């Protein structure tokens, strides 16, 4: 499953601000690479939140989720708050697996 982390460039702070996350479920990207496909989708989903759509960029990531996590990922578009919560949970799970608790 391809997950696109969507960010907005903040030129004043010289850093990127997270906007949300998109989950790609289809395998066929219709002739585009992952970045092109995700960027097009991100601009249509989050473009109304920024003045200039050119400041939006995506970071594609491959996630291999089990069946339980796929059920939790019913939504395809996550807000900034939901994105940050998911990243926090994923970080905790990675630490737990690294320590051998799983």
PDB file of N, CA and C in Angstrom:
ATOM      1  N   UNK A   1       0.846  -1.157   0.000  1.00  0.00           N
ATOM      2  CA  UNK A   1       0.000   0.000   0.000  1.00  0.00           C
ATOM      3  C   UNK A   1       0.905   1.237   0.000  1.00  0.00           C
ATOM      4  N   UNK A   2       0.594   2.169  -0.866  1.00  0.00           N
ATOM      5  CA  UNK A   2       1.372   3.403  -0.957  1.00  0.00           C
ATOM      6  C   UNK A   2       0.694   4.473  -0.110  1.00  0.00           C
ATOM      7  N   UNK A   3       1.477   5.097   0.756  1.00  0.00           N
ATOM      8  CA  UNK A   3       0.987   6.173   1.606  1.00  0.00           C
ATOM      9  C   UNK A   3       1.733   7.437   1.215  1.00  0.00           C
ATOM     10  N   UNK A   4       0.983   8.501   0.963  1.00  0.00           N
ATOM     11  CA  UNK A   4       1.587   9.783   0.620  1.00  0.00           C
ATOM     12  C   UNK A   4       1.479  10.712   1.815  1.00  0.00           C
ATOM     13  N   UNK A   5       2.614  11.138   2.336  1.00  0.00           N
ATOM     14  CA  UNK A   5       2.631  12.147   3.392  1.00  0.00           C
ATOM     15  C   UNK A   5       2.637  13.495   2.676  1.00  0.00           C
ATOM     16  N   UNK A   6       1.653  14.328   2.967  1.00  0.00           N
ATOM     17  CA  UNK A   6       1.479  15.599   2.259  1.00  0.00           C
ATOM     18  C   UNK A   6       1.985  16.732   3.141  1.00  0.00           C
ATOM     19  N   UNK A   7       2.853  17.574   2.556  1.00  0.00           N
ATOM     20  CA  UNK A   7       3.434  18.707   3.269  1.00  0.00           C
ATOM     21  C   UNK A   7       3.246  19.984   2.470  1.00  0.00           C
ATOM     22  N   UNK A   8       3.386  21.102   3.162  1.00  0.00           N
ATOM     23  CA  UNK A   8       3.323  22.423   2.538  1.00  0.00           C
ATOM     24  C   UNK A   8       4.611  23.156   2.881  1.00  0.00           C
ATOM     25  N   UNK A   9       5.249  23.750   1.893  1.00  0.00           N
ATOM     26  CA  UNK A   9       6.480  24.506   2.124  1.00  0.00           C
ATOM     27  C   UNK A   9       6.139  25.807   2.832  1.00  0.00           C
ATOM     28  N   UNK A  10       6.859  26.093   3.902  1.00  0.00           N
ATOM     29  CA  UNK A  10       6.720  27.364   4.608  1.00  0.00           C
ATOM     30  C   UNK A  10       8.030  28.108   4.438  1.00  0.00           C
ATOM     31  N   UNK A  11       8.037  29.079   3.541  1.00  0.00           N
ATOM     32  CA  UNK A  11       9.265  29.786   3.214  1.00  0.00           C
ATOM     33  C   UNK A  11       9.741  30.688   4.341  1.00  0.00           C
ATOM     34  N   UNK A  12       8.818  31.181   5.177  1.00  0.00           N
ATOM     35  CA  UNK A  12       9.217  32.052   6.282  1.00  0.00           C
ATOM     36  C   UNK A  12       9.974  31.274   7.351  1.00  0.00           C
ATOM     37  N   UNK A  13       9.493  30.083   7.683  1.00  0.00           N
ATOM     38  CA  UNK A  13      10.149  29.256   8.697  1.00  0.00           C
ATOM     39  C   UNK A  13      11.223  28.348   8.108  1.00  0.00           C
ATOM     40  N   UNK A  14      11.294  28.296   6.788  1.00  0.00           N
ATOM     41  CA  UNK A  14      12.252  27.454   6.070  1.00  0.00           C
ATOM     42  C   UNK A  14      12.122  25.984   6.464  1.00  0.00           C
ATOM     43  N   UNK A  15      10.867  25.540   6.517  1.00  0.00           N
ATOM     44  CA  UNK A  15      10.623  24.124   6.786  1.00  0.00           C
ATOM     45  C   UNK A  15       9.257  23.746   6.230  1.00  0.00           C
ATOM     46  N   UNK A  16       8.997  22.468   6.235  1.00  0.00           N
ATOM     47  CA  UNK A  16       7.720  21.956   5.721  1.00  0.00           C
ATOM     48  C   UNK A  16       6.757  21.721   6.873  1.00  0.00           C
ATOM     49  N   UNK A  17       5.499  22.021   6.620  1.00  0.00           N
ATOM     50  CA  UNK A  17       4.458  21.776   7.604  1.00  0.00           C
ATOM     51  C   UNK A  17       3.593  20.620   7.119  1.00  0.00           C
ATOM     52  N   UNK A  18       3.322  19.631   7.978  1.00  0.00           N
ATOM     53  CA  UNK A  18       2.475  18.521   7.548  1.00  0.00           C
ATOM     54  C   UNK A  18       1.044  18.993   7.328  1.00  0.00           C
ATOM     55  N   UNK A  19       0.432  18.504   6.258  1.00  0.00           N
ATOM     56  CA  UNK A  19      -0.952  18.846   5.951  1.00  0.00           C
ATOM     57  C   UNK A  19      -1.878  17.657   6.145  1.00  0.00           C
ATOM     58  N   UNK A  20      -1.371  16.466   5.870  1.00  0.00           N
ATOM     59  CA  UNK A  20      -2.197  15.280   5.992  1.00  0.00           C
ATOM     60  C   UNK A  20      -1.548  14.086   5.334  1.00  0.00           C
ATOM     61  N   UNK A  21      -2.372  13.076   5.072  1.00  0.00           N
ATOM     62  CA  UNK A  21      -1.867  11.840   4.504  1.00  0.00           C
ATOM     63  C   UNK A  21      -2.929  11.266   3.565  1.00  0.00           C
ATOM     64  N   UNK A  22      -2.465  10.680   2.483  1.00  0.00           N
ATOM     65  CA  UNK A  22      -3.339  10.035   1.509  1.00  0.00           C
ATOM     66  C   UNK A  22      -2.934   8.573   1.382  1.00  0.00           C
ATOM     67  N   UNK A  23      -3.912   7.692   1.292  1.00  0.00           N
ATOM     68  CA  UNK A  23      -3.623   6.267   1.151  1.00  0.00           C
ATOM     69  C   UNK A  23      -4.078   5.805  -0.218  1.00  0.00           C
ATOM     70  N   UNK A  24      -3.122   5.327  -0.999  1.00  0.00           N
ATOM     71  CA  UNK A  24      -3.377   4.836  -2.365  1.00  0.00           C
ATOM     72  C   UNK A  24      -3.647   3.346  -2.293  1.00  0.00           C
ATOM     73  N   UNK A  25      -4.810   2.931  -2.732  1.00  0.00           N
ATOM     74  CA  UNK A  25      -5.148   1.516  -2.682  1.00  0.00           C
ATOM     75  C   UNK A  25      -5.023   0.844  -4.040  1.00  0.00           C
ATOM     76  N   UNK A  26      -5.092   1.609  -5.093  1.00  0.00           N
ATOM     77  CA  UNK A  26      -5.028   0.994  -6.422  1.00  0.00           C
ATOM     78  C   UNK A  26      -3.583   0.665  -6.788  1.00  0.00           C
ATOM     79  N   UNK A  27      -3.405  -0.350  -7.550  1.00  0.00           N
ATOM     80  CA  UNK A  27      -2.064  -0.766  -7.967  1.00  0.00           C
ATOM     81  C   UNK A  27      -1.634  -0.050  -9.231  1.00  0.00           C
ATOM     82  N   UNK A  28      -2.575   0.245 -10.119  1.00  0.00           N
ATOM     83  CA  UNK A  28      -2.268   0.895 -11.385  1.00  0.00           C
ATOM     84  C   UNK A  28      -2.285   2.406 -11.189  1.00  0.00           C
ATOM     85  N   UNK A  29      -1.163   3.054 -11.417  1.00  0.00           N
ATOM     86  CA  UNK A  29      -1.069   4.500 -11.241  1.00  0.00           C
ATOM     87  C   UNK A  29      -1.380   5.261 -12.525  1.00  0.00           C
ATOM     88  N   UNK A  30      -1.924   4.574 -13.502  1.00  0.00           N
ATOM     89  CA  UNK A  30      -2.381   5.154 -14.763  1.00  0.00           C
ATOM     90  C   UNK A  30      -1.278   5.909 -15.505  1.00  0.00           C
ATOM     91  N   UNK A  31      -0.129   5.286 -15.598  1.00  0.00           N
ATOM     92  CA  UNK A  31       0.957   5.835 -16.393  1.00  0.00           C
ATOM     93  C   UNK A  31       1.806   6.877 -15.692  1.00  0.00           C
ATOM     94  N   UNK A  32       1.543   7.155 -14.442  1.00  0.00           N
ATOM     95  CA  UNK A  32       2.329   8.143 -13.699  1.00  0.00           C
ATOM     96  C   UNK A  32       3.195   7.419 -12.666  1.00  0.00           C
ATOM     97  N   UNK A  33       4.259   8.083 -12.241  1.00  0.00           N
ATOM     98  CA  UNK A  33       5.021   7.511 -11.144  1.00  0.00           C
ATOM     99  C   UNK A  33       4.339   7.889  -9.826  1.00  0.00           C
ATOM    100  N   UNK A  34       4.841   7.371  -8.712  1.00  0.00           N
ATOM    101  CA  UNK A  34       4.193   7.593  -7.420  1.00  0.00           C
ATOM    102  C   UNK A  34       4.131   9.069  -7.048  1.00  0.00           C
ATOM    103  N   UNK A  35       5.191   9.795  -7.291  1.00  0.00           N
ATOM    104  CA  UNK A  35       5.222  11.214  -6.915  1.00  0.00           C
ATOM    105  C   UNK A  35       4.210  12.009  -7.727  1.00  0.00           C
ATOM    106  N   UNK A  36       4.163  11.789  -9.022  1.00  0.00           N
ATOM    107  CA  UNK A  36       3.206  12.507  -9.875  1.00  0.00           C
ATOM    108  C   UNK A  36       1.773  12.203  -9.463  1.00  0.00           C
ATOM    109  N   UNK A  37       1.473  10.920  -9.249  1.00  0.00           N
ATOM    110  CA  UNK A  37       0.130  10.511  -8.872  1.00  0.00           C
ATOM    111  C   UNK A  37      -0.272  11.113  -7.536  1.00  0.00           C
ATOM    112  N   UNK A  38       0.614  11.017  -6.545  1.00  0.00           N
ATOM    113  CA  UNK A  38       0.322  11.546  -5.216  1.00  0.00           C
ATOM    114  C   UNK A  38       0.200  13.055  -5.196  1.00  0.00           C
ATOM    115  N   UNK A  39       1.050  13.743  -5.972  1.00  0.00           N
ATOM    116  CA  UNK A  39       1.017  15.198  -6.010  1.00  0.00           C
ATOM    117  C   UNK A  39      -0.280  15.705  -6.633  1.00  0.00           C
ATOM    118  N   UNK A  40      -0.701  15.058  -7.670  1.00  0.00           N
ATOM    119  CA  UNK A  40      -1.961  15.447  -8.322  1.00  0.00           C
ATOM    120  C   UNK A  40      -3.137  15.279  -7.365  1.00  0.00           C
ATOM    121  N   UNK A  41      -3.169  14.158  -6.656  1.00  0.00           N
ATOM    122  CA  UNK A  41      -4.227  13.886  -5.700  1.00  0.00           C
ATOM    123  C   UNK A  41      -4.156  14.853  -4.521  1.00  0.00           C
ATOM    124  N   UNK A  42      -2.940  15.121  -4.025  1.00  0.00           N
ATOM    125  CA  UNK A  42      -2.771  16.019  -2.884  1.00  0.00           C
ATOM    126  C   UNK A  42      -3.233  17.436  -3.208  1.00  0.00           C
ATOM    127  N   UNK A  43      -2.929  17.898  -4.410  1.00  0.00           N
ATOM    128  CA  UNK A  43      -3.357  19.249  -4.791  1.00  0.00           C
ATOM    129  C   UNK A  43      -4.873  19.353  -4.866  1.00  0.00           C
ATOM    130  N   UNK A  44      -5.527  18.284  -5.310  1.00  0.00           N
ATOM    131  CA  UNK A  44      -6.986  18.338  -5.374  1.00  0.00           C
ATOM    132  C   UNK A  44      -7.613  18.178  -3.989  1.00  0.00           C
ATOM    133  N   UNK A  45      -6.975  17.420  -3.097  1.00  0.00           N
ATOM    134  CA  UNK A  45      -7.539  17.187  -1.768  1.00  0.00           C
ATOM    135  C   UNK A  45      -7.231  18.311  -0.782  1.00  0.00           C
ATOM    136  N   UNK A  46      -6.026  18.880  -0.857  1.00  0.00           N
ATOM    137  CA  UNK A  46      -5.599  19.870   0.125  1.00  0.00           C
ATOM    138  C   UNK A  46      -5.365  21.261  -0.472  1.00  0.00           C
ATOM    139  N   UNK A  47      -5.579  21.420  -1.747  1.00  0.00           N
ATOM    140  CA  UNK A  47      -5.309  22.691  -2.420  1.00  0.00           C
ATOM    141  C   UNK A  47      -6.104  23.865  -1.887  1.00  0.00           C
ATOM    142  N   UNK A  48      -7.291  23.606  -1.388  1.00  0.00           N
ATOM    143  CA  UNK A  48      -8.118  24.692  -0.860  1.00  0.00           C
ATOM    144  C   UNK A  48      -7.594  25.253   0.457  1.00  0.00           C
ATOM    145  N   UNK A  49      -6.632  24.577   1.086  1.00  0.00           N
ATOM    146  CA  UNK A  49      -6.091  25.015   2.367  1.00  0.00           C
ATOM    147  C   UNK A  49      -4.907  25.979   2.243  1.00  0.00           C
ATOM    148  N   UNK A  50      -4.372  26.129   1.031  1.00  0.00           N
ATOM    149  CA  UNK A  50      -3.206  26.990   0.828  1.00  0.00           C
ATOM    150  C   UNK A  50      -3.492  28.027  -0.248  1.00  0.00           C
ATOM    151  N   UNK A  51      -2.722  29.107  -0.210  1.00  0.00           N
ATOM    152  CA  UNK A  51      -2.879  30.144  -1.232  1.00  0.00           C
ATOM    153  C   UNK A  51      -2.315  29.695  -2.573  1.00  0.00           C
ATOM    154  N   UNK A  52      -1.170  29.035  -2.540  1.00  0.00           N
ATOM    155  CA  UNK A  52      -0.477  28.613  -3.751  1.00  0.00           C
ATOM    156  C   UNK A  52      -0.331  27.087  -3.734  1.00  0.00           C
ATOM    157  N   UNK A  53      -0.964  26.408  -4.665  1.00  0.00           N
ATOM    158  CA  UNK A  53      -0.895  24.945  -4.721  1.00  0.00           C
ATOM    159  C   UNK A  53       0.516  24.445  -5.026  1.00  0.00           C
ATOM    160  N   UNK A  54       1.369  25.310  -5.550  1.00  0.00           N
ATOM    161  CA  UNK A  54       2.738  24.912  -5.880  1.00  0.00           C
ATOM    162  C   UNK A  54       3.583  24.654  -4.633  1.00  0.00           C
ATOM    163  N   UNK A  55       3.104  25.077  -3.457  1.00  0.00           N
ATOM    164  CA  UNK A  55       3.851  24.841  -2.224  1.00  0.00           C
ATOM    165  C   UNK A  55       3.596  23.451  -1.639  1.00  0.00           C
ATOM    166  N   UNK A  56       2.659  22.718  -2.221  1.00  0.00           N
ATOM    167  CA  UNK A  56       2.339  21.373  -1.741  1.00  0.00           C
ATOM    168  C   UNK A  56       3.309  20.366  -2.358  1.00  0.00           C
ATOM    169  N   UNK A  57       3.810  19.452  -1.515  1.00  0.00           N
ATOM    170  CA  UNK A  57       4.608  18.342  -2.038  1.00  0.00           C
ATOM    171  C   UNK A  57       4.300  17.091  -1.237  1.00  0.00           C
ATOM    172  N   UNK A  58       4.610  15.936  -1.819  1.00  0.00           N
ATOM    173  CA  UNK A  58       4.303  14.654  -1.191  1.00  0.00           C
ATOM    174  C   UNK A  58       5.571  13.823  -1.036  1.00  0.00           C
ATOM    175  N   UNK A  59       5.533  12.956  -0.040  1.00  0.00           N
ATOM    176  CA  UNK A  59       6.600  11.984   0.176  1.00  0.00           C
ATOM    177  C   UNK A  59       5.944  10.607   0.168  1.00  0.00           C
ATOM    178  N   UNK A  60       6.127   9.838  -0.923  1.00  0.00           N
ATOM    179  CA  UNK A  60       5.515   8.505  -0.968  1.00  0.00           C
ATOM    180  C   UNK A  60       6.267   7.528  -0.076  1.00  0.00           C
ATOM    181  N   UNK A  61       5.526   6.602   0.503  1.00  0.00           N
ATOM    182  CA  UNK A  61       6.110   5.606   1.389  1.00  0.00           C
ATOM    183  C   UNK A  61       5.328   4.308   1.218  1.00  0.00           C
ATOM    184  N   UNK A  62       6.015   3.191   1.167  1.00  0.00           N
ATOM    185  CA  UNK A  62       5.379   1.880   1.052  1.00  0.00           C
ATOM    186  C   UNK A  62       5.159   1.330   2.449  1.00  0.00           C
ATOM    187  N   UNK A  63       3.930   0.999   2.768  1.00  0.00           N
ATOM    188  CA  UNK A  63       3.606   0.370   4.047  1.00  0.00           C
ATOM    189  C   UNK A  63       3.094  -1.020   3.779  1.00  0.00           C
ATOM    190  N   UNK A  64       3.598  -1.976   4.520  1.00  0.00           N
ATOM    191  CA  UNK A  64       3.112  -3.341   4.439  1.00  0.00           C
ATOM    192  C   UNK A  64       2.306  -3.586   5.707  1.00  0.00           C
ATOM    193  N   UNK A  65       1.003  -3.419   5.590  1.00  0.00           N
ATOM    194  CA  UNK A  65       0.131  -3.552   6.744  1.00  0.00           C
ATOM    195  C   UNK A  65      -0.547  -4.907   6.752  1.00  0.00           C
ATOM    196  N   UNK A  66      -0.772  -5.402   7.943  1.00  0.00           N
ATOM    197  CA  UNK A  66      -1.521  -6.643   8.078  1.00  0.00           C
ATOM    198  C   UNK A  66      -3.005  -6.397   7.844  1.00  0.00           C
ATOM    199  N   UNK A  67      -3.778  -7.438   7.914  1.00  0.00           N
ATOM    200  CA  UNK A  67      -5.219  -7.309   7.640  1.00  0.00           C
ATOM    201  C   UNK A  67      -5.918  -6.458   8.691  1.00  0.00           C
ATOM    202  N   UNK A  68      -5.488  -6.502   9.942  1.00  0.00           N
ATOM    203  CA  UNK A  68      -6.116  -5.699  10.986  1.00  0.00           C
ATOM    204  C   UNK A  68      -5.925  -4.216  10.725  1.00  0.00           C
ATOM    205  N   UNK A  69      -4.727  -3.829  10.339  1.00  0.00           N
ATOM    206  CA  UNK A  69      -4.450  -2.421  10.080  1.00  0.00           C
ATOM    207  C   UNK A  69      -5.146  -1.935   8.821  1.00  0.00           C
ATOM    208  N   UNK A  70      -5.343  -2.793   7.846  1.00  0.00           N
ATOM    209  CA  UNK A  70      -6.055  -2.386   6.631  1.00  0.00           C
ATOM    210  C   UNK A  70      -7.498  -2.019   6.937  1.00  0.00           C
ATOM    211  N   UNK A  71      -8.098  -2.726   7.890  1.00  0.00           N
ATOM    212  CA  UNK A  71      -9.468  -2.409   8.276  1.00  0.00           C
ATOM    213  C   UNK A  71      -9.512  -1.029   8.919  1.00  0.00           C
ATOM    214  N   UNK A  72      -8.505  -0.695   9.737  1.00  0.00           N
ATOM    215  CA  UNK A  72      -8.443   0.620  10.378  1.00  0.00           C
ATOM    216  C   UNK A  72      -8.222   1.730   9.363  1.00  0.00           C
ATOM    217  N   UNK A  73      -7.620   1.432   8.235  1.00  0.00           N
ATOM    218  CA  UNK A  73      -7.303   2.428   7.223  1.00  0.00           C
ATOM    219  C   UNK A  73      -8.414   2.516   6.176  1.00  0.00           C
ATOM    220  N   UNK A  74      -9.658   2.553   6.624  1.00  0.00           N
ATOM    221  CA  UNK A  74     -10.777   2.633   5.694  1.00  0.00           C
ATOM    222  C   UNK A  74     -10.787   3.957   4.942  1.00  0.00           C
ATOM    223  N   UNK A  75     -10.422   5.027   5.631  1.00  0.00           N
ATOM    224  CA  UNK A  75     -10.390   6.330   4.990  1.00  0.00           C
ATOM    225  C   UNK A  75      -9.207   6.396   4.034  1.00  0.00           C
ATOM    226  N   UNK A  76      -9.311   7.274   3.069  1.00  0.00           N
ATOM    227  CA  UNK A  76      -8.204   7.461   2.138  1.00  0.00           C
ATOM    228  C   UNK A  76      -7.510   8.793   2.349  1.00  0.00           C
ATOM    229  N   UNK A  77      -8.195   9.750   2.964  1.00  0.00           N
ATOM    230  CA  UNK A  77      -7.626  11.068   3.193  1.00  0.00           C
ATOM    231  C   UNK A  77      -7.681  11.361   4.683  1.00  0.00           C
ATOM    232  N   UNK A  78      -6.528  11.685   5.264  1.00  0.00           N
ATOM    233  CA  UNK A  78      -6.430  11.991   6.681  1.00  0.00           C
ATOM    234  C   UNK A  78      -6.011  13.443   6.870  1.00  0.00           C
ATOM    235  N   UNK A  79      -6.574  14.105   7.872  1.00  0.00           N
ATOM    236  CA  UNK A  79      -6.222  15.489   8.179  1.00  0.00           C
ATOM    237  C   UNK A  79      -4.870  15.536   8.885  1.00  0.00           C
ATOM    238  N   UNK A  80      -4.396  16.744   9.132  1.00  0.00           N
ATOM    239  CA  UNK A  80      -3.111  16.942   9.793  1.00  0.00           C
ATOM    240  C   UNK A  80      -3.097  16.272  11.170  1.00  0.00           C
ATOM    241  N   UNK A  81      -4.157  16.459  11.938  1.00  0.00           N
ATOM    242  CA  UNK A  81      -4.216  15.891  13.277  1.00  0.00           C
ATOM    243  C   UNK A  81      -4.237  14.369  13.235  1.00  0.00           C
ATOM    244  N   UNK A  82      -5.024  13.803  12.327  1.00  0.00           N
ATOM    245  CA  UNK A  82      -5.077  12.356  12.188  1.00  0.00           C
ATOM    246  C   UNK A  82      -3.739  11.805  11.710  1.00  0.00           C
ATOM    247  N   UNK A  83      -3.098  12.520  10.796  1.00  0.00           N
ATOM    248  CA  UNK A  83      -1.790  12.111  10.279  1.00  0.00           C
ATOM    249  C   UNK A  83      -0.764  12.056  11.405  1.00  0.00           C
ATOM    250  N   UNK A  84      -0.717  13.093  12.231  1.00  0.00           N
ATOM    251  CA  UNK A  84       0.258  13.137  13.327  1.00  0.00           C
ATOM    252  C   UNK A  84      -0.009  12.035  14.350  1.00  0.00           C
ATOM    253  N   UNK A  85      -1.270  11.738  14.609  1.00  0.00           N
ATOM    254  CA  UNK A  85      -1.614  10.661  15.540  1.00  0.00           C
ATOM    255  C   UNK A  85      -1.179   9.301  14.982  1.00  0.00           C
ATOM    256  N   UNK A  86      -1.412   9.068  13.706  1.00  0.00           N
ATOM    257  CA  UNK A  86      -0.998   7.800  13.083  1.00  0.00           C
ATOM    258  C   UNK A  86       0.519   7.658  13.120  1.00  0.00           C
ATOM    259  N   UNK A  87       1.236   8.735  12.830  1.00  0.00           N
ATOM    260  CA  UNK A  87       2.698   8.675  12.841  1.00  0.00           C
ATOM    261  C   UNK A  87       3.213   8.399  14.254  1.00  0.00           C
ATOM    262  N   UNK A  88       2.547   8.941  15.269  1.00  0.00           N
ATOM    263  CA  UNK A  88       2.949   8.697  16.648  1.00  0.00           C
ATOM    264  C   UNK A  88       2.746   7.223  17.000  1.00  0.00           C
ATOM    265  N   UNK A  89       1.616   6.663  16.615  1.00  0.00           N
ATOM    266  CA  UNK A  89       1.330   5.249  16.886  1.00  0.00           C
ATOM    267  C   UNK A  89       2.310   4.355  16.136  1.00  0.00           C
ATOM    268  N   UNK A  90       2.579   4.688  14.867  1.00  0.00           N
ATOM    269  CA  UNK A  90       3.520   3.880  14.072  1.00  0.00           C
ATOM    270  C   UNK A  90       4.917   3.923  14.699  1.00  0.00           C
ATOM    271  N   UNK A  91       5.326   5.063  15.221  1.00  0.00           N
ATOM    272  CA  UNK A  91       6.624   5.183  15.879  1.00  0.00           C
ATOM    273  C   UNK A  91       6.703   4.342  17.140  1.00  0.00           C
ATOM    274  N   UNK A  92       5.620   4.310  17.916  1.00  0.00           N
ATOM    275  CA  UNK A  92       5.587   3.501  19.126  1.00  0.00           C
ATOM    276  C   UNK A  92       5.645   2.017  18.792  1.00  0.00           C
ATOM    277  N   UNK A  93       4.933   1.598  17.744  1.00  0.00           N
ATOM    278  CA  UNK A  93       4.959   0.198  17.341  1.00  0.00           C
ATOM    279  C   UNK A  93       6.346  -0.205  16.849  1.00  0.00           C
ATOM    280  N   UNK A  94       7.010   0.684  16.126  1.00  0.00           N
ATOM    281  CA  UNK A  94       8.354   0.383  15.623  1.00  0.00           C
ATOM    282  C   UNK A  94       9.328   0.222  16.787  1.00  0.00           C
ATOM    283  N   UNK A  95       9.216   1.075  17.811  1.00  0.00           N
ATOM    284  CA  UNK A  95      10.090   0.966  18.980  1.00  0.00           C
ATOM    285  C   UNK A  95       9.843  -0.340  19.723  1.00  0.00           C
ATOM    286  N   UNK A  96       8.559  -0.706  19.830  1.00  0.00           N
ATOM    287  CA  UNK A  96       8.210  -1.946  20.529  1.00  0.00           C
ATOM    288  C   UNK A  96       8.777  -3.156  19.792  1.00  0.00           C
ATOM    289  N   UNK A  97       8.672  -3.176  18.476  1.00  0.00           N
ATOM    290  CA  UNK A  97       9.204  -4.288  17.689  1.00  0.00           C
ATOM    291  C   UNK A  97      10.724  -4.330  17.758  1.00  0.00           C
ATOM    292  N   UNK A  98      11.349  -3.137  17.787  1.00  0.00           N
ATOM    293  CA  UNK A  98      12.810  -3.070  17.855  1.00  0.00           C
ATOM    294  C   UNK A  98      13.326  -3.635  19.174  1.00  0.00           C
ATOM    295  N   UNK A  99      12.581  -3.400  20.245  1.00  0.00           N
ATOM    296  CA  UNK A  99      12.998  -3.898  21.557  1.00  0.00           C
ATOM    297  C   UNK A  99      12.660  -5.367  21.747  1.00  0.00           C
ATOM    298  N   UNK A 100      11.883  -5.942  20.818  1.00  0.00           N
ATOM    299  CA  UNK A 100      11.556  -7.359  20.884  1.00  0.00           C
ATOM    300  C   UNK A 100      10.338  -7.667  21.723  1.00  0.00           C
ATOM    301  N   UNK A 101       9.474  -6.707  21.921  1.00  0.00           N
ATOM    302  CA  UNK A 101       8.265  -6.928  22.710  1.00  0.00           C
ATOM    303  C   UNK A 101       7.195  -7.644  21.901  1.00  0.00           C
ATOM    304  N   UNK A 102       7.325  -7.707  20.625  1.00  0.00           N
ATOM    305  CA  UNK A 102       6.326  -8.379  19.780  1.00  0.00           C
ATOM    306  C   UNK A 102       6.828  -9.720  19.332  1.00  0.00           C
TER     307      UNK A 102
END
